[in-house]
PDB file of N, CA and C in Angstrom:
ATOM      1  N   UNK A   1      82.228  85.866 108.235  1.00  0.00           N
ATOM      2  CA  UNK A   1      83.189  86.947 108.078  1.00  0.00           C
ATOM      3  C   UNK A   1      83.170  87.416 106.626  1.00  0.00           C
ATOM      4  N   UNK A   2      83.085  88.709 106.435  1.00  0.00           N
ATOM      5  CA  UNK A   2      83.070  89.286 105.092  1.00  0.00           C
ATOM      6  C   UNK A   2      84.495  89.609 104.663  1.00  0.00           C
ATOM      7  N   UNK A   3      84.882  89.111 103.502  1.00  0.00           N
ATOM      8  CA  UNK A   3      86.206  89.362 102.957  1.00  0.00           C
ATOM      9  C   UNK A   3      86.119  90.561 102.021  1.00  0.00           C
ATOM     10  N   UNK A   4      87.040  91.494 102.176  1.00  0.00           N
ATOM     11  CA  UNK A   4      87.100  92.649 101.288  1.00  0.00           C
ATOM     12  C   UNK A   4      88.235  92.407 100.298  1.00  0.00           C
ATOM     13  N   UNK A   5      87.874  92.307  99.033  1.00  0.00           N
ATOM     14  CA  UNK A   5      88.855  92.054  97.991  1.00  0.00           C
ATOM     15  C   UNK A   5      89.354  93.375  97.414  1.00  0.00           C
ATOM     16  N   UNK A   6      90.579  93.381  96.878  1.00  0.00           N
ATOM     17  CA  UNK A   6      91.085  94.592  96.228  1.00  0.00           C
ATOM     18  C   UNK A   6      90.159  95.005  95.086  1.00  0.00           C
ATOM     19  N   UNK A   7      90.122  96.296  94.821  1.00  0.00           N
ATOM     20  CA  UNK A   7      89.195  96.811  93.805  1.00  0.00           C
ATOM     21  C   UNK A   7      89.434  96.187  92.432  1.00  0.00           C
ATOM     22  N   UNK A   8      90.676  95.862  92.116  1.00  0.00           N
ATOM     23  CA  UNK A   8      90.955  95.259  90.811  1.00  0.00           C
ATOM     24  C   UNK A   8      90.301  93.872  90.699  1.00  0.00           C
ATOM     25  N   UNK A   9      90.239  93.147  91.808  1.00  0.00           N
ATOM     26  CA  UNK A   9      89.569  91.844  91.813  1.00  0.00           C
ATOM     27  C   UNK A   9      88.074  92.048  91.632  1.00  0.00           C
ATOM     28  N   UNK A  10      87.531  93.037  92.326  1.00  0.00           N
ATOM     29  CA  UNK A  10      86.102  93.355  92.187  1.00  0.00           C
ATOM     30  C   UNK A  10      85.776  93.699  90.734  1.00  0.00           C
ATOM     31  N   UNK A  11      86.642  94.490  90.081  1.00  0.00           N
ATOM     32  CA  UNK A  11      86.417  94.884  88.690  1.00  0.00           C
ATOM     33  C   UNK A  11      86.450  93.670  87.762  1.00  0.00           C
ATOM     34  N   UNK A  12      87.437  92.789  87.942  1.00  0.00           N
ATOM     35  CA  UNK A  12      87.519  91.578  87.121  1.00  0.00           C
ATOM     36  C   UNK A  12      86.299  90.695  87.363  1.00  0.00           C
ATOM     37  N   UNK A  13      85.918  90.564  88.612  1.00  0.00           N
ATOM     38  CA  UNK A  13      84.761  89.746  88.965  1.00  0.00           C
ATOM     39  C   UNK A  13      83.509  90.266  88.267  1.00  0.00           C
ATOM     40  N   UNK A  14      83.278  91.578  88.345  1.00  0.00           N
ATOM     41  CA  UNK A  14      82.093  92.180  87.709  1.00  0.00           C
ATOM     42  C   UNK A  14      82.139  91.991  86.195  1.00  0.00           C
ATOM     43  N   UNK A  15      83.328  92.128  85.612  1.00  0.00           N
ATOM     44  CA  UNK A  15      83.468  91.921  84.166  1.00  0.00           C
ATOM     45  C   UNK A  15      83.140  90.494  83.759  1.00  0.00           C
ATOM     46  N   UNK A  16      83.641  89.543  84.529  1.00  0.00           N
ATOM     47  CA  UNK A  16      83.342  88.133  84.239  1.00  0.00           C
ATOM     48  C   UNK A  16      81.861  87.840  84.406  1.00  0.00           C
ATOM     49  N   UNK A  17      81.288  88.384  85.473  1.00  0.00           N
ATOM     50  CA  UNK A  17      79.863  88.177  85.751  1.00  0.00           C
ATOM     51  C   UNK A  17      79.006  88.725  84.612  1.00  0.00           C
ATOM     52  N   UNK A  18      79.383  89.894  84.095  1.00  0.00           N
ATOM     53  CA  UNK A  18      78.602  90.492  83.005  1.00  0.00           C
ATOM     54  C   UNK A  18      78.717  89.681  81.716  1.00  0.00           C
ATOM     55  N   UNK A  19      79.766  88.869  81.606  1.00  0.00           N
ATOM     56  CA  UNK A  19      79.950  87.994  80.445  1.00  0.00           C
ATOM     57  C   UNK A  19      79.322  86.620  80.664  1.00  0.00           C
ATOM     58  N   UNK A  20      78.684  86.439  81.825  1.00  0.00           N
ATOM     59  CA  UNK A  20      78.017  85.177  82.105  1.00  0.00           C
ATOM     60  C   UNK A  20      78.899  84.120  82.741  1.00  0.00           C
ATOM     61  N   UNK A  21      80.111  84.488  83.109  1.00  0.00           N
ATOM     62  CA  UNK A  21      81.024  83.539  83.753  1.00  0.00           C
ATOM     63  C   UNK A  21      80.667  83.466  85.229  1.00  0.00           C
ATOM     64  N   UNK A  22      80.496  82.260  85.728  1.00  0.00           N
ATOM     65  CA  UNK A  22      80.179  82.088  87.146  1.00  0.00           C
ATOM     66  C   UNK A  22      81.438  81.644  87.878  1.00  0.00           C
ATOM     67  N   UNK A  23      81.947  82.536  88.679  1.00  0.00           N
ATOM     68  CA  UNK A  23      83.130  82.262  89.498  1.00  0.00           C
ATOM     69  C   UNK A  23      83.010  83.113  90.744  1.00  0.00           C
ATOM     70  N   UNK A  24      83.482  82.609  91.848  1.00  0.00           N
ATOM     71  CA  UNK A  24      83.471  83.375  93.080  1.00  0.00           C
ATOM     72  C   UNK A  24      84.611  84.374  93.107  1.00  0.00           C
ATOM     73  N   UNK A  25      84.461  85.395  93.919  1.00  0.00           N
ATOM     74  CA  UNK A  25      85.528  86.393  94.040  1.00  0.00           C
ATOM     75  C   UNK A  25      86.811  85.753  94.542  1.00  0.00           C
ATOM     76  N   UNK A  26      86.692  84.774  95.423  1.00  0.00           N
ATOM     77  CA  UNK A  26      87.883  84.104  95.933  1.00  0.00           C
ATOM     78  C   UNK A  26      88.630  83.395  94.813  1.00  0.00           C
ATOM     79  N   UNK A  27      87.878  82.802  93.887  1.00  0.00           N
ATOM     80  CA  UNK A  27      88.496  82.123  92.753  1.00  0.00           C
ATOM     81  C   UNK A  27      89.154  83.124  91.808  1.00  0.00           C
ATOM     82  N   UNK A  28      88.492  84.246  91.590  1.00  0.00           N
ATOM     83  CA  UNK A  28      89.061  85.289  90.732  1.00  0.00           C
ATOM     84  C   UNK A  28      90.369  85.790  91.339  1.00  0.00           C
ATOM     85  N   UNK A  29      90.346  86.079  92.645  1.00  0.00           N
ATOM     86  CA  UNK A  29      91.543  86.558  93.335  1.00  0.00           C
ATOM     87  C   UNK A  29      92.682  85.538  93.213  1.00  0.00           C
ATOM     88  N   UNK A  30      92.386  84.273  93.552  1.00  0.00           N
ATOM     89  CA  UNK A  30      93.401  83.221  93.513  1.00  0.00           C
ATOM     90  C   UNK A  30      93.998  83.077  92.111  1.00  0.00           C
ATOM     91  N   UNK A  31      93.132  83.087  91.114  1.00  0.00           N
ATOM     92  CA  UNK A  31      93.602  82.932  89.734  1.00  0.00           C
ATOM     93  C   UNK A  31      94.474  84.113  89.315  1.00  0.00           C
ATOM     94  N   UNK A  32      94.083  85.316  89.716  1.00  0.00           N
ATOM     95  CA  UNK A  32      94.868  86.496  89.356  1.00  0.00           C
ATOM     96  C   UNK A  32      96.254  86.458  90.009  1.00  0.00           C
ATOM     97  N   UNK A  33      96.326  85.962  91.235  1.00  0.00           N
ATOM     98  CA  UNK A  33      97.623  85.842  91.914  1.00  0.00           C
ATOM     99  C   UNK A  33      98.447  84.732  91.271  1.00  0.00           C
ATOM    100  N   UNK A  34      97.816  83.577  91.036  1.00  0.00           N
ATOM    101  CA  UNK A  34      98.530  82.423  90.468  1.00  0.00           C
ATOM    102  C   UNK A  34      99.054  82.689  89.061  1.00  0.00           C
ATOM    103  N   UNK A  35      98.358  83.517  88.297  1.00  0.00           N
ATOM    104  CA  UNK A  35      98.789  83.822  86.930  1.00  0.00           C
ATOM    105  C   UNK A  35      99.655  85.080  86.862  1.00  0.00           C
ATOM    106  N   UNK A  36     100.048  85.577  88.041  1.00  0.00           N
ATOM    107  CA  UNK A  36     100.975  86.712  88.141  1.00  0.00           C
ATOM    108  C   UNK A  36     100.405  88.017  87.588  1.00  0.00           C
ATOM    109  N   UNK A  37      99.081  88.171  87.656  1.00  0.00           N
ATOM    110  CA  UNK A  37      98.476  89.443  87.257  1.00  0.00           C
ATOM    111  C   UNK A  37      98.546  90.452  88.392  1.00  0.00           C
ATOM    112  N   UNK A  38      98.384  89.962  89.626  1.00  0.00           N
ATOM    113  CA  UNK A  38      98.464  90.814  90.809  1.00  0.00           C
ATOM    114  C   UNK A  38      99.283  90.090  91.872  1.00  0.00           C
ATOM    115  N   UNK A  39      99.795  90.872  92.830  1.00  0.00           N
ATOM    116  CA  UNK A  39     100.441  90.228  93.968  1.00  0.00           C
ATOM    117  C   UNK A  39      99.385  89.944  95.027  1.00  0.00           C
ATOM    118  N   UNK A  40      99.774  89.406  96.166  1.00  0.00           N
ATOM    119  CA  UNK A  40      98.813  89.027  97.195  1.00  0.00           C
ATOM    120  C   UNK A  40      98.068  90.215  97.795  1.00  0.00           C
ATOM    121  N   UNK A  41      98.598  91.429  97.598  1.00  0.00           N
ATOM    122  CA  UNK A  41      97.933  92.637  98.088  1.00  0.00           C
ATOM    123  C   UNK A  41      97.000  93.254  97.052  1.00  0.00           C
ATOM    124  N   UNK A  42      96.930  92.632  95.872  1.00  0.00           N
ATOM    125  CA  UNK A  42      96.052  93.152  94.831  1.00  0.00           C
ATOM    126  C   UNK A  42      96.695  94.197  93.944  1.00  0.00           C
ATOM    127  N   UNK A  43      98.002  94.352  94.065  1.00  0.00           N
ATOM    128  CA  UNK A  43      98.725  95.330  93.250  1.00  0.00           C
ATOM    129  C   UNK A  43      99.121  94.661  91.940  1.00  0.00           C
ATOM    130  N   UNK A  44      98.830  95.312  90.804  1.00  0.00           N
ATOM    131  CA  UNK A  44      99.229  94.722  89.517  1.00  0.00           C
ATOM    132  C   UNK A  44     100.733  94.476  89.464  1.00  0.00           C
ATOM    133  N   UNK A  45     101.124  93.333  88.931  1.00  0.00           N
ATOM    134  CA  UNK A  45     102.550  93.006  88.818  1.00  0.00           C
ATOM    135  C   UNK A  45     103.148  93.726  87.614  1.00  0.00           C
ATOM    136  N   UNK A  46     104.461  93.851  87.627  1.00  0.00           N
ATOM    137  CA  UNK A  46     105.146  94.457  86.488  1.00  0.00           C
ATOM    138  C   UNK A  46     104.908  93.635  85.235  1.00  0.00           C
ATOM    139  N   UNK A  47     104.851  92.320  85.385  1.00  0.00           N
ATOM    140  CA  UNK A  47     104.560  91.425  84.266  1.00  0.00           C
ATOM    141  C   UNK A  47     103.217  91.778  83.622  1.00  0.00           C
ATOM    142  N   UNK A  48     102.190  91.964  84.451  1.00  0.00           N
ATOM    143  CA  UNK A  48     100.854  92.282  83.929  1.00  0.00           C
ATOM    144  C   UNK A  48     100.834  93.643  83.247  1.00  0.00           C
ATOM    145  N   UNK A  49     101.549  94.599  83.811  1.00  0.00           N
ATOM    146  CA  UNK A  49     101.600  95.939  83.221  1.00  0.00           C
ATOM    147  C   UNK A  49     102.390  95.932  81.912  1.00  0.00           C
ATOM    148  N   UNK A  50     103.568  95.284  81.931  1.00  0.00           N
ATOM    149  CA  UNK A  50     104.431  95.253  80.740  1.00  0.00           C
ATOM    150  C   UNK A  50     103.764  94.563  79.558  1.00  0.00           C
ATOM    151  N   UNK A  51     102.935  93.565  79.836  1.00  0.00           N
ATOM    152  CA  UNK A  51     102.284  92.809  78.766  1.00  0.00           C
ATOM    153  C   UNK A  51     100.893  93.317  78.419  1.00  0.00           C
ATOM    154  N   UNK A  52     100.478  94.401  79.044  1.00  0.00           N
ATOM    155  CA  UNK A  52      99.196  95.011  78.722  1.00  0.00           C
ATOM    156  C   UNK A  52      97.984  94.273  79.238  1.00  0.00           C
ATOM    157  N   UNK A  53      98.192  93.320  80.155  1.00  0.00           N
ATOM    158  CA  UNK A  53      97.056  92.596  80.728  1.00  0.00           C
ATOM    159  C   UNK A  53      96.248  93.500  81.651  1.00  0.00           C
ATOM    160  N   UNK A  54      96.943  94.419  82.304  1.00  0.00           N
ATOM    161  CA  UNK A  54      96.308  95.383  83.195  1.00  0.00           C
ATOM    162  C   UNK A  54      96.873  96.748  82.859  1.00  0.00           C
ATOM    163  N   UNK A  55      95.993  97.692  82.724  1.00  0.00           N
ATOM    164  CA  UNK A  55      96.416  99.064  82.454  1.00  0.00           C
ATOM    165  C   UNK A  55      96.073  99.921  83.665  1.00  0.00           C
ATOM    166  N   UNK A  56      97.050 100.665  84.109  1.00  0.00           N
ATOM    167  CA  UNK A  56      96.822 101.581  85.231  1.00  0.00           C
ATOM    168  C   UNK A  56      96.672 102.978  84.662  1.00  0.00           C
ATOM    169  N   UNK A  57      95.546 103.553  84.933  1.00  0.00           N
ATOM    170  CA  UNK A  57      95.311 104.912  84.479  1.00  0.00           C
ATOM    171  C   UNK A  57      95.802 105.870  85.555  1.00  0.00           C
ATOM    172  N   UNK A  58      97.023 106.331  85.385  1.00  0.00           N
ATOM    173  CA  UNK A  58      97.639 107.250  86.319  1.00  0.00           C
ATOM    174  C   UNK A  58      96.923 108.600  86.251  1.00  0.00           C
ATOM    175  N   UNK A  59      96.483 109.122  87.374  1.00  0.00           N
ATOM    176  CA  UNK A  59      95.850 110.436  87.355  1.00  0.00           C
ATOM    177  C   UNK A  59      96.802 111.489  86.790  1.00  0.00           C
ATOM    178  N   UNK A  60      96.293 112.331  85.931  1.00  0.00           N
ATOM    179  CA  UNK A  60      97.118 113.367  85.310  1.00  0.00           C
ATOM    180  C   UNK A  60      97.377 114.537  86.246  1.00  0.00           C
ATOM    181  N   UNK A  61      96.408 114.845  87.073  1.00  0.00           N
ATOM    182  CA  UNK A  61      96.548 116.004  87.956  1.00  0.00           C
ATOM    183  C   UNK A  61      96.474 115.566  89.409  1.00  0.00           C
ATOM    184  N   UNK A  62      96.963 116.447  90.279  1.00  0.00           N
ATOM    185  CA  UNK A  62      96.885 116.169  91.709  1.00  0.00           C
ATOM    186  C   UNK A  62      95.434 116.137  92.167  1.00  0.00           C
ATOM    187  N   UNK A  63      94.598 116.964  91.566  1.00  0.00           N
ATOM    188  CA  UNK A  63      93.169 116.955  91.903  1.00  0.00           C
ATOM    189  C   UNK A  63      92.558 115.587  91.604  1.00  0.00           C
ATOM    190  N   UNK A  64      92.923 114.988  90.465  1.00  0.00           N
ATOM    191  CA  UNK A  64      92.428 113.651  90.116  1.00  0.00           C
ATOM    192  C   UNK A  64      92.943 112.604  91.104  1.00  0.00           C
ATOM    193  N   UNK A  65      94.203 112.736  91.505  1.00  0.00           N
ATOM    194  CA  UNK A  65      94.776 111.804  92.477  1.00  0.00           C
ATOM    195  C   UNK A  65      94.019 111.877  93.794  1.00  0.00           C
ATOM    196  N   UNK A  66      93.750 113.091  94.249  1.00  0.00           N
ATOM    197  CA  UNK A  66      93.042 113.267  95.514  1.00  0.00           C
ATOM    198  C   UNK A  66      91.583 112.846  95.409  1.00  0.00           C
ATOM    199  N   UNK A  67      91.012 112.945  94.228  1.00  0.00           N
ATOM    200  CA  UNK A  67      89.644 112.457  94.029  1.00  0.00           C
ATOM    201  C   UNK A  67      89.616 110.928  94.087  1.00  0.00           C
ATOM    202  N   UNK A  68      90.644 110.313  93.521  1.00  0.00           N
ATOM    203  CA  UNK A  68      90.753 108.861  93.522  1.00  0.00           C
ATOM    204  C   UNK A  68      91.046 108.331  94.929  1.00  0.00           C
ATOM    205  N   UNK A  69      91.823 109.083  95.700  1.00  0.00           N
ATOM    206  CA  UNK A  69      92.196 108.707  97.072  1.00  0.00           C
ATOM    207  C   UNK A  69      91.791 109.833  98.020  1.00  0.00           C
ATOM    208  N   UNK A  70      90.516 109.863  98.424  1.00  0.00           N
ATOM    209  CA  UNK A  70      90.003 110.967  99.240  1.00  0.00           C
ATOM    210  C   UNK A  70      90.760 111.179 100.556  1.00  0.00           C
ATOM    211  N   UNK A  71      91.388 110.131 101.072  1.00  0.00           N
ATOM    212  CA  UNK A  71      92.148 110.285 102.311  1.00  0.00           C
ATOM    213  C   UNK A  71      93.337 111.240 102.149  1.00  0.00           C
ATOM    214  N   UNK A  72      93.747 111.528 100.921  1.00  0.00           N
ATOM    215  CA  UNK A  72      94.870 112.434 100.676  1.00  0.00           C
ATOM    216  C   UNK A  72      94.452 113.897 100.600  1.00  0.00           C
ATOM    217  N   UNK A  73      93.157 114.159 100.569  1.00  0.00           N
ATOM    218  CA  UNK A  73      92.675 115.533 100.414  1.00  0.00           C
ATOM    219  C   UNK A  73      93.072 116.445 101.561  1.00  0.00           C
ATOM    220  N   UNK A  74      93.302 115.875 102.725  1.00  0.00           N
ATOM    221  CA  UNK A  74      93.634 116.686 103.901  1.00  0.00           C
ATOM    222  C   UNK A  74      95.063 117.223 103.875  1.00  0.00           C
ATOM    223  N   UNK A  75      95.883 116.746 102.944  1.00  0.00           N
ATOM    224  CA  UNK A  75      97.282 117.169 102.870  1.00  0.00           C
ATOM    225  C   UNK A  75      97.470 118.271 101.838  1.00  0.00           C
ATOM    226  N   UNK A  76      98.325 119.198 102.168  1.00  0.00           N
ATOM    227  CA  UNK A  76      98.657 120.308 101.263  1.00  0.00           C
ATOM    228  C   UNK A  76      99.295 119.759  99.988  1.00  0.00           C
ATOM    229  N   UNK A  77      99.050 120.449  98.881  1.00  0.00           N
ATOM    230  CA  UNK A  77      99.564 120.004  97.588  1.00  0.00           C
ATOM    231  C   UNK A  77     101.085 119.910  97.548  1.00  0.00           C
ATOM    232  N   UNK A  78     101.772 120.687  98.377  1.00  0.00           N
ATOM    233  CA  UNK A  78     103.233 120.674  98.329  1.00  0.00           C
ATOM    234  C   UNK A  78     103.850 119.390  98.896  1.00  0.00           C
ATOM    235  N   UNK A  79     103.019 118.471  99.389  1.00  0.00           N
ATOM    236  CA  UNK A  79     103.510 117.175  99.861  1.00  0.00           C
ATOM    237  C   UNK A  79     103.583 116.144  98.733  1.00  0.00           C
ATOM    238  N   UNK A  80     103.173 116.541  97.510  1.00  0.00           N
ATOM    239  CA  UNK A  80     103.091 115.597  96.391  1.00  0.00           C
ATOM    240  C   UNK A  80     103.914 116.093  95.215  1.00  0.00           C
ATOM    241  N   UNK A  81     104.404 115.110  94.435  1.00  0.00           N
ATOM    242  CA  UNK A  81     105.186 115.448  93.253  1.00  0.00           C
ATOM    243  C   UNK A  81     104.913 114.392  92.186  1.00  0.00           C
ATOM    244  N   UNK A  82     104.752 114.852  90.957  1.00  0.00           N
ATOM    245  CA  UNK A  82     104.556 113.917  89.845  1.00  0.00           C
ATOM    246  C   UNK A  82     105.851 113.827  89.052  1.00  0.00           C
ATOM    247  N   UNK A  83     106.262 112.589  88.773  1.00  0.00           N
ATOM    248  CA  UNK A  83     107.446 112.343  87.960  1.00  0.00           C
ATOM    249  C   UNK A  83     107.033 111.473  86.780  1.00  0.00           C
ATOM    250  N   UNK A  84     107.988 111.111  85.963  1.00  0.00           N
ATOM    251  CA  UNK A  84     107.718 110.210  84.837  1.00  0.00           C
ATOM    252  C   UNK A  84     107.243 108.841  85.312  1.00  0.00           C
ATOM    253  N   UNK A  85     107.591 108.490  86.559  1.00  0.00           N
ATOM    254  CA  UNK A  85     107.233 107.180  87.101  1.00  0.00           C
ATOM    255  C   UNK A  85     105.924 107.185  87.856  1.00  0.00           C
ATOM    256  N   UNK A  86     105.334 108.343  88.063  1.00  0.00           N
ATOM    257  CA  UNK A  86     104.060 108.421  88.769  1.00  0.00           C
ATOM    258  C   UNK A  86     104.087 109.449  89.881  1.00  0.00           C
ATOM    259  N   UNK A  87     103.089 109.385  90.735  1.00  0.00           N
ATOM    260  CA  UNK A  87     102.937 110.327  91.840  1.00  0.00           C
ATOM    261  C   UNK A  87     103.711 109.862  93.065  1.00  0.00           C
ATOM    262  N   UNK A  88     104.307 110.818  93.745  1.00  0.00           N
ATOM    263  CA  UNK A  88     105.028 110.550  94.985  1.00  0.00           C
ATOM    264  C   UNK A  88     104.497 111.444  96.081  1.00  0.00           C
ATOM    265  N   UNK A  89     104.420 110.883  97.283  1.00  0.00           N
ATOM    266  CA  UNK A  89     104.070 111.647  98.476  1.00  0.00           C
ATOM    267  C   UNK A  89     105.310 111.691  99.353  1.00  0.00           C
ATOM    268  N   UNK A  90     105.471 112.781 100.091  1.00  0.00           N
ATOM    269  CA  UNK A  90     106.652 112.891 100.946  1.00  0.00           C
ATOM    270  C   UNK A  90     106.505 112.053 102.218  1.00  0.00           C
ATOM    271  N   UNK A  91     107.557 112.044 103.019  1.00  0.00           N
ATOM    272  CA  UNK A  91     107.598 111.219 104.228  1.00  0.00           C
ATOM    273  C   UNK A  91     106.509 111.596 105.218  1.00  0.00           C
ATOM    274  N   UNK A  92     106.140 112.859 105.273  1.00  0.00           N
ATOM    275  CA  UNK A  92     105.092 113.283 106.203  1.00  0.00           C
ATOM    276  C   UNK A  92     103.779 112.563 105.899  1.00  0.00           C
ATOM    277  N   UNK A  93     103.385 112.530 104.632  1.00  0.00           N
ATOM    278  CA  UNK A  93     102.139 111.869 104.223  1.00  0.00           C
ATOM    279  C   UNK A  93     102.247 110.363 104.453  1.00  0.00           C
ATOM    280  N   UNK A  94     103.350 109.770 104.036  1.00  0.00           N
ATOM    281  CA  UNK A  94     103.524 108.328 104.201  1.00  0.00           C
ATOM    282  C   UNK A  94     103.491 107.925 105.673  1.00  0.00           C
ATOM    283  N   UNK A  95     104.165 108.708 106.509  1.00  0.00           N
ATOM    284  CA  UNK A  95     104.173 108.412 107.947  1.00  0.00           C
ATOM    285  C   UNK A  95     102.769 108.556 108.523  1.00  0.00           C
ATOM    286  N   UNK A  96     102.096 109.640 108.196  1.00  0.00           N
ATOM    287  CA  UNK A  96     100.750 109.893 108.721  1.00  0.00           C
ATOM    288  C   UNK A  96      99.769 108.804 108.315  1.00  0.00           C
ATOM    289  N   UNK A  97      99.772 108.442 107.053  1.00  0.00           N
ATOM    290  CA  UNK A  97      98.844 107.423 106.565  1.00  0.00           C
ATOM    291  C   UNK A  97      99.173 106.049 107.156  1.00  0.00           C
ATOM    292  N   UNK A  98     100.454 105.748 107.319  1.00  0.00           N
ATOM    293  CA  UNK A  98     100.846 104.470 107.914  1.00  0.00           C
ATOM    294  C   UNK A  98     100.381 104.379 109.360  1.00  0.00           C
ATOM    295  N   UNK A  99     100.542 105.450 110.106  1.00  0.00           N
ATOM    296  CA  UNK A  99     100.111 105.460 111.510  1.00  0.00           C
ATOM    297  C   UNK A  99      98.592 105.320 111.597  1.00  0.00           C
ATOM    298  N   UNK A 100      97.869 105.983 110.695  1.00  0.00           N
ATOM    299  CA  UNK A 100      96.407 105.840 110.682  1.00  0.00           C
ATOM    300  C   UNK A 100      96.007 104.386 110.441  1.00  0.00           C
ATOM    301  N   UNK A 101      96.669 103.732 109.496  1.00  0.00           N
ATOM    302  CA  UNK A 101      96.374 102.327 109.212  1.00  0.00           C
ATOM    303  C   UNK A 101      96.657 101.439 110.422  1.00  0.00           C
ATOM    304  N   UNK A 102      97.787 101.679 111.076  1.00  0.00           N
ATOM    305  CA  UNK A 102      98.154 100.856 112.229  1.00  0.00           C
ATOM    306  C   UNK A 102      97.188 101.028 113.396  1.00  0.00           C
ATOM    307  N   UNK A 103      96.590 102.196 113.502  1.00  0.00           N
ATOM    308  CA  UNK A 103      95.669 102.462 114.615  1.00  0.00           C
ATOM    309  C   UNK A 103      94.215 102.131 114.306  1.00  0.00           C
ATOM    310  N   UNK A 104      93.942 101.738 113.074  1.00  0.00           N
ATOM    311  CA  UNK A 104      92.571 101.414 112.677  1.00  0.00           C
ATOM    312  C   UNK A 104      92.323  99.927 112.890  1.00  0.00           C
ATOM    313  N   UNK A 105      91.390  99.561 113.775  1.00  0.00           N
ATOM    314  CA  UNK A 105      91.141  98.145 114.029  1.00  0.00           C
ATOM    315  C   UNK A 105      90.626  97.382 112.802  1.00  0.00           C
ATOM    316  N   UNK A 106      90.102  98.092 111.811  1.00  0.00           N
ATOM    317  CA  UNK A 106      89.577  97.437 110.614  1.00  0.00           C
ATOM    318  C   UNK A 106      90.669  97.118 109.590  1.00  0.00           C
ATOM    319  N   UNK A 107      91.885  97.594 109.822  1.00  0.00           N
ATOM    320  CA  UNK A 107      92.986  97.368 108.892  1.00  0.00           C
ATOM    321  C   UNK A 107      93.414  95.905 108.933  1.00  0.00           C
ATOM    322  N   UNK A 108      93.583  95.317 107.753  1.00  0.00           N
ATOM    323  CA  UNK A 108      94.011  93.917 107.676  1.00  0.00           C
ATOM    324  C   UNK A 108      95.456  93.781 108.158  1.00  0.00           C
ATOM    325  N   UNK A 109      95.825  92.572 108.539  1.00  0.00           N
ATOM    326  CA  UNK A 109      97.195  92.326 108.987  1.00  0.00           C
ATOM    327  C   UNK A 109      98.195  92.603 107.868  1.00  0.00           C
ATOM    328  N   UNK A 110      97.823  92.282 106.635  1.00  0.00           N
ATOM    329  CA  UNK A 110      98.709  92.544 105.497  1.00  0.00           C
ATOM    330  C   UNK A 110      98.959  94.034 105.352  1.00  0.00           C
ATOM    331  N   UNK A 111      97.898  94.844 105.440  1.00  0.00           N
ATOM    332  CA  UNK A 111      98.057  96.291 105.326  1.00  0.00           C
ATOM    333  C   UNK A 111      98.855  96.852 106.500  1.00  0.00           C
ATOM    334  N   UNK A 112      98.664  96.288 107.692  1.00  0.00           N
ATOM    335  CA  UNK A 112      99.452  96.732 108.848  1.00  0.00           C
ATOM    336  C   UNK A 112     100.929  96.395 108.642  1.00  0.00           C
ATOM    337  N   UNK A 113     101.186  95.223 108.100  1.00  0.00           N
ATOM    338  CA  UNK A 113     102.574  94.837 107.831  1.00  0.00           C
ATOM    339  C   UNK A 113     103.196  95.791 106.806  1.00  0.00           C
ATOM    340  N   UNK A 114     102.443  96.130 105.769  1.00  0.00           N
ATOM    341  CA  UNK A 114     102.943  97.074 104.768  1.00  0.00           C
ATOM    342  C   UNK A 114     103.191  98.449 105.375  1.00  0.00           C
ATOM    343  N   UNK A 115     102.320  98.878 106.281  1.00  0.00           N
ATOM    344  CA  UNK A 115     102.504 100.166 106.952  1.00  0.00           C
ATOM    345  C   UNK A 115     103.788 100.158 107.782  1.00  0.00           C
ATOM    346  N   UNK A 116     104.053  99.055 108.464  1.00  0.00           N
ATOM    347  CA  UNK A 116     105.296  98.943 109.249  1.00  0.00           C
ATOM    348  C   UNK A 116     106.522  99.004 108.342  1.00  0.00           C
ATOM    349  N   UNK A 117     106.440  98.377 107.181  1.00  0.00           N
ATOM    350  CA  UNK A 117     107.550  98.413 106.219  1.00  0.00           C
ATOM    351  C   UNK A 117     107.810  99.850 105.777  1.00  0.00           C
ATOM    352  N   UNK A 118     106.739 100.572 105.461  1.00  0.00           N
ATOM    353  CA  UNK A 118     106.886 101.976 105.050  1.00  0.00           C
ATOM    354  C   UNK A 118     107.548 102.779 106.162  1.00  0.00           C
ATOM    355  N   UNK A 119     107.070 102.609 107.400  1.00  0.00           N
ATOM    356  CA  UNK A 119     107.648 103.349 108.524  1.00  0.00           C
ATOM    357  C   UNK A 119     109.126 103.000 108.726  1.00  0.00           C
ATOM    358  N   UNK A 120     109.487 101.734 108.554  1.00  0.00           N
ATOM    359  CA  UNK A 120     110.899 101.343 108.675  1.00  0.00           C
ATOM    360  C   UNK A 120     111.756 101.980 107.598  1.00  0.00           C
ATOM    361  N   UNK A 121     111.234 102.063 106.373  1.00  0.00           N
ATOM    362  CA  UNK A 121     111.985 102.709 105.281  1.00  0.00           C
ATOM    363  C   UNK A 121     112.169 104.195 105.579  1.00  0.00           C
ATOM    364  N   UNK A 122     111.135 104.832 106.092  1.00  0.00           N
ATOM    365  CA  UNK A 122     111.242 106.253 106.430  1.00  0.00           C
ATOM    366  C   UNK A 122     112.282 106.444 107.534  1.00  0.00           C
ATOM    367  N   UNK A 123     112.256 105.555 108.520  1.00  0.00           N
ATOM    368  CA  UNK A 123     113.210 105.636 109.633  1.00  0.00           C
ATOM    369  C   UNK A 123     114.632 105.486 109.116  1.00  0.00           C
ATOM    370  N   UNK A 124     114.855 104.512 108.192  1.00  0.00           N
ATOM    371  CA  UNK A 124     116.180 104.304 107.611  1.00  0.00           C
ATOM    372  C   UNK A 124     116.633 105.513 106.808  1.00  0.00           C
ATOM    373  N   UNK A 125     115.704 106.109 106.037  1.00  0.00           N
ATOM    374  CA  UNK A 125     116.050 107.302 105.262  1.00  0.00           C
ATOM    375  C   UNK A 125     116.408 108.461 106.174  1.00  0.00           C
ATOM    376  N   UNK A 126     115.672 108.608 107.287  1.00  0.00           N
ATOM    377  CA  UNK A 126     115.970 109.673 108.243  1.00  0.00           C
ATOM    378  C   UNK A 126     117.346 109.471 108.866  1.00  0.00           C
ATOM    379  N   UNK A 127     117.716 108.228 109.112  1.00  0.00           N
ATOM    380  CA  UNK A 127     119.015 107.923 109.720  1.00  0.00           C
ATOM    381  C   UNK A 127     120.156 108.221 108.747  1.00  0.00           C
ATOM    382  N   UNK A 128     119.877 108.089 107.442  1.00  0.00           N
ATOM    383  CA  UNK A 128     120.906 108.353 106.428  1.00  0.00           C
ATOM    384  C   UNK A 128     121.186 109.842 106.264  1.00  0.00           C
ATOM    385  N   UNK A 129     120.218 110.679 106.643  1.00  0.00           N
ATOM    386  CA  UNK A 129     120.394 112.141 106.448  1.00  0.00           C
ATOM    387  C   UNK A 129     121.313 112.766 107.456  1.00  0.00           C
TER     388      UNK A 129
END
């Protein structure tokens, strides 16, 4: 079975490899989680960001965001908004992408669980309106 690691793990792995460090991707992933650099989904932790261990290069433009995430290209620009905290997509995009993930047999159980969480939050927000 082939394991697909988050891109940040792949980047760290390649960096270590280029420095002559021999470690498996599984070890890199485990170490990054254990040292609080990323969570189990491969998302950088606030600790890692606040201390400069990991830098996230936030796309400046919507075009850059859509280039980075090609699956978003099919949505009209008016579904997105940039704030001081980063890019936001509206409920339509979040719902659509979550449903696509849930219906894709290649989606990991963790990603499916996250998609269900997103859908539940959208449902709760709709109920509040």
